[in-house]
Amino acid sequence: MSAKKQAVLVATGHLACEVCDFDFAGVYGPLGEGFAECHHRVSLSKLAEGHKTKLSELAIVCANCHRMLHRSRPMMSVEELRAVIQERRVQSSPLTRAAPDRPDRLCVFYRLIAAGW
């Protein structure tokens, strides 16, 4: 697990959750440097006894996403959970929510732009 973290740090310069992009160091500063969890992309119960895990079989994730991955049945892939989060972000964005009084229009901010503000 530490080898995966080290490889990602060397390649990208930071440890960001592969699901939600949360970066502990970016939020917590020095306290969060090098902190993240590793998730086995294939459930350990499905691996043959003595299987040597490859770095590509691990994903860097934050604690919240790690719990959500293990909460889903059957277990979601990192990519599936990422898609769920991205869809929720789009739905909750004020730029993509329809105005209650005009479902054909986007949010108030968008209407202000259209009005020339």
C-alpha atoms as a PDB file:
ATOM      1  CA  MET A   1       0.000   0.000   0.000  1.00  0.00           C
ATOM      2  CA  SER A   2       2.803   2.402   0.775  1.00  0.00           C
ATOM      3  CA  ALA A   3       4.349   1.507  -2.602  1.00  0.00           C
ATOM      4  CA  LYS A   4       1.120   2.583  -4.355  1.00  0.00           C
ATOM      5  CA  LYS A   5       1.054   5.862  -2.456  1.00  0.00           C
ATOM      6  CA  GLN A   6       4.712   6.499  -3.254  1.00  0.00           C
ATOM      7  CA  ALA A   7       4.188   5.712  -6.947  1.00  0.00           C
ATOM      8  CA  VAL A   8       1.239   8.106  -7.150  1.00  0.00           C
ATOM      9  CA  LEU A   9       3.147  10.832  -5.294  1.00  0.00           C
ATOM     10  CA  VAL A  10       6.077  10.508  -7.694  1.00  0.00           C
ATOM     11  CA  ALA A  11       3.795  10.506 -10.747  1.00  0.00           C
ATOM     12  CA  THR A  12       1.397  13.308  -9.733  1.00  0.00           C
ATOM     13  CA  GLY A  13       2.910  15.162  -6.792  1.00  0.00           C
ATOM     14  CA  HIS A  14      -0.135  14.582  -4.567  1.00  0.00           C
ATOM     15  CA  LEU A  15      -2.531  11.940  -3.278  1.00  0.00           C
ATOM     16  CA  ALA A  16      -6.031  12.703  -4.504  1.00  0.00           C
ATOM     17  CA  CYS A  17      -8.989  10.375  -4.132  1.00  0.00           C
ATOM     18  CA  GLU A  18      -9.585   8.611  -7.447  1.00  0.00           C
ATOM     19  CA  VAL A  19     -13.322   8.840  -6.813  1.00  0.00           C
ATOM     20  CA  CYS A  20     -13.979  12.405  -5.613  1.00  0.00           C
ATOM     21  CA  ASP A  21     -10.576  14.130  -6.072  1.00  0.00           C
ATOM     22  CA  PHE A  22     -10.297  14.995  -2.359  1.00  0.00           C
ATOM     23  CA  ASP A  23      -6.687  15.811  -1.450  1.00  0.00           C
ATOM     24  CA  PHE A  24      -5.921  15.647   2.279  1.00  0.00           C
ATOM     25  CA  ALA A  25      -2.767  17.767   1.948  1.00  0.00           C
ATOM     26  CA  GLY A  26      -4.678  20.394  -0.016  1.00  0.00           C
ATOM     27  CA  VAL A  27      -7.256  20.702   2.765  1.00  0.00           C
ATOM     28  CA  TYR A  28      -5.265  19.951   5.930  1.00  0.00           C
ATOM     29  CA  GLY A  29      -1.819  21.148   4.862  1.00  0.00           C
ATOM     30  CA  PRO A  30       1.168  19.328   6.373  1.00  0.00           C
ATOM     31  CA  LEU A  31      -1.114  17.256   8.611  1.00  0.00           C
ATOM     32  CA  GLY A  32      -2.673  15.667   5.524  1.00  0.00           C
ATOM     33  CA  GLU A  33       0.532  15.105   3.544  1.00  0.00           C
ATOM     34  CA  GLY A  34       0.866  11.495   2.429  1.00  0.00           C
ATOM     35  CA  PHE A  35      -2.512  10.577   3.901  1.00  0.00           C
ATOM     36  CA  ALA A  36      -5.015   8.544   1.908  1.00  0.00           C
ATOM     37  CA  GLU A  37      -6.392   5.028   1.903  1.00  0.00           C
ATOM     38  CA  CYS A  38      -5.776   2.267  -0.611  1.00  0.00           C
ATOM     39  CA  HIS A  39      -8.678   0.253  -1.961  1.00  0.00           C
ATOM     40  CA  HIS A  40      -8.353  -3.178  -3.527  1.00  0.00           C
ATOM     41  CA  ARG A  41     -10.197  -2.944  -6.842  1.00  0.00           C
ATOM     42  CA  VAL A  42     -10.935  -6.669  -6.635  1.00  0.00           C
ATOM     43  CA  SER A  43     -12.361  -7.878  -3.353  1.00  0.00           C
ATOM     44  CA  LEU A  44      -9.786  -9.764  -1.301  1.00  0.00           C
ATOM     45  CA  SER A  45     -12.286 -12.607  -0.897  1.00  0.00           C
ATOM     46  CA  LYS A  46     -12.219 -13.125  -4.675  1.00  0.00           C
ATOM     47  CA  LEU A  47      -8.439 -13.351  -4.962  1.00  0.00           C
ATOM     48  CA  ALA A  48      -6.620 -16.661  -4.969  1.00  0.00           C
ATOM     49  CA  GLU A  49      -4.699 -17.517  -1.832  1.00  0.00           C
ATOM     50  CA  GLY A  50      -1.178 -16.177  -2.093  1.00  0.00           C
ATOM     51  CA  HIS A  51      -2.102 -13.616  -4.791  1.00  0.00           C
ATOM     52  CA  LYS A  52       0.484 -10.839  -4.931  1.00  0.00           C
ATOM     53  CA  THR A  53      -1.352  -7.539  -5.387  1.00  0.00           C
ATOM     54  CA  LYS A  54      -0.121  -5.320  -8.212  1.00  0.00           C
ATOM     55  CA  LEU A  55      -0.096  -1.546  -7.845  1.00  0.00           C
ATOM     56  CA  SER A  56      -2.632  -1.345 -10.682  1.00  0.00           C
ATOM     57  CA  GLU A  57      -5.056  -3.362  -8.540  1.00  0.00           C
ATOM     58  CA  LEU A  58      -5.089  -0.618  -5.882  1.00  0.00           C
ATOM     59  CA  ALA A  59      -6.848   2.735  -5.937  1.00  0.00           C
ATOM     60  CA  ILE A  60      -6.105   5.810  -3.836  1.00  0.00           C
ATOM     61  CA  VAL A  61      -9.329   6.829  -2.089  1.00  0.00           C
ATOM     62  CA  CYS A  62     -10.472   9.045   0.780  1.00  0.00           C
ATOM     63  CA  ALA A  63     -12.108   7.435   3.803  1.00  0.00           C
ATOM     64  CA  ASN A  64     -15.630   8.467   2.782  1.00  0.00           C
ATOM     65  CA  CYS A  65     -15.372   7.017  -0.705  1.00  0.00           C
ATOM     66  CA  HIS A  66     -13.718   3.892   0.657  1.00  0.00           C
ATOM     67  CA  ARG A  67     -16.717   3.318   2.933  1.00  0.00           C
ATOM     68  CA  MET A  68     -19.177   3.933   0.088  1.00  0.00           C
ATOM     69  CA  LEU A  69     -17.343   1.458  -2.143  1.00  0.00           C
ATOM     70  CA  HIS A  70     -17.639  -1.237   0.515  1.00  0.00           C
ATOM     71  CA  ARG A  71     -21.211  -0.285   1.382  1.00  0.00           C
ATOM     72  CA  SER A  72     -22.575  -0.989  -2.087  1.00  0.00           C
ATOM     73  CA  ARG A  73     -23.711  -4.527  -2.934  1.00  0.00           C
ATOM     74  CA  PRO A  74     -22.403  -5.732  -5.212  1.00  0.00           C
ATOM     75  CA  MET A  75     -19.369  -3.561  -4.602  1.00  0.00           C
ATOM     76  CA  MET A  76     -19.160  -0.679  -7.073  1.00  0.00           C
ATOM     77  CA  SER A  77     -15.998  -0.058  -8.987  1.00  0.00           C
ATOM     78  CA  VAL A  78     -14.042   3.141  -8.411  1.00  0.00           C
ATOM     79  CA  GLU A  79     -15.203   4.317 -11.839  1.00  0.00           C
ATOM     80  CA  GLU A  80     -18.878   3.592 -11.085  1.00  0.00           C
ATOM     81  CA  LEU A  81     -18.798   5.538  -7.818  1.00  0.00           C
ATOM     82  CA  ARG A  82     -16.954   8.396  -9.543  1.00  0.00           C
ATOM     83  CA  ALA A  83     -19.753   8.531 -12.129  1.00  0.00           C
ATOM     84  CA  VAL A  84     -22.357   8.683  -9.332  1.00  0.00           C
ATOM     85  CA  ILE A  85     -20.549  11.602  -7.701  1.00  0.00           C
ATOM     86  CA  GLN A  86     -20.079  13.445 -10.972  1.00  0.00           C
ATOM     87  CA  GLU A  87     -23.772  13.068 -11.813  1.00  0.00           C
ATOM     88  CA  ARG A  88     -24.760  14.351  -8.351  1.00  0.00           C
ATOM     89  CA  ARG A  89     -22.422  17.330  -8.742  1.00  0.00           C
ATOM     90  CA  VAL A  90     -24.057  18.223 -12.047  1.00  0.00           C
ATOM     91  CA  GLN A  91     -27.551  17.862 -10.578  1.00  0.00           C
ATOM     92  CA  SER A  92     -26.735  20.013  -7.556  1.00  0.00           C
ATOM     93  CA  SER A  93     -24.918  22.740  -9.493  1.00  0.00           C
ATOM     94  CA  PRO A  94     -26.833  26.029  -9.550  1.00  0.00           C
ATOM     95  CA  LEU A  95     -25.890  26.351 -13.209  1.00  0.00           C
ATOM     96  CA  THR A  96     -27.739  23.182 -14.170  1.00  0.00           C
ATOM     97  CA  ARG A  97     -30.763  23.269 -11.857  1.00  0.00           C
ATOM     98  CA  ALA A  98     -33.964  24.428 -13.449  1.00  0.00           C
ATOM     99  CA  ALA A  99     -35.677  27.425 -11.880  1.00  0.00           C
ATOM    100  CA  PRO A 100     -38.859  26.279 -10.062  1.00  0.00           C
ATOM    101  CA  ASP A 101     -41.044  28.791 -11.898  1.00  0.00           C
ATOM    102  CA  ARG A 102     -39.472  28.135 -15.312  1.00  0.00           C
ATOM    103  CA  PRO A 103     -38.315  24.538 -15.700  1.00  0.00           C
ATOM    104  CA  ASP A 104     -37.268  25.347 -19.273  1.00  0.00           C
ATOM    105  CA  ARG A 105     -34.703  27.826 -17.931  1.00  0.00           C
ATOM    106  CA  LEU A 106     -31.626  27.296 -15.838  1.00  0.00           C
ATOM    107  CA  CYS A 107     -30.976  28.927 -12.467  1.00  0.00           C
ATOM    108  CA  VAL A 108     -31.439  32.573 -11.540  1.00  0.00           C
ATOM    109  CA  PHE A 109     -27.757  33.280 -12.178  1.00  0.00           C
ATOM    110  CA  TYR A 110     -28.091  32.001 -15.699  1.00  0.00           C
ATOM    111  CA  ARG A 111     -31.212  34.117 -16.233  1.00  0.00           C
ATOM    112  CA  LEU A 112     -29.315  37.195 -15.034  1.00  0.00           C
ATOM    113  CA  ILE A 113     -26.591  36.562 -17.556  1.00  0.00           C
ATOM    114  CA  ALA A 114     -29.219  36.184 -20.264  1.00  0.00           C
ATOM    115  CA  ALA A 115     -30.729  39.519 -19.146  1.00  0.00           C
ATOM    116  CA  GLY A 116     -27.395  41.243 -19.707  1.00  0.00           C
ATOM    117  CA  TRP A 117     -26.135  41.557 -16.166  1.00  0.00           C
END
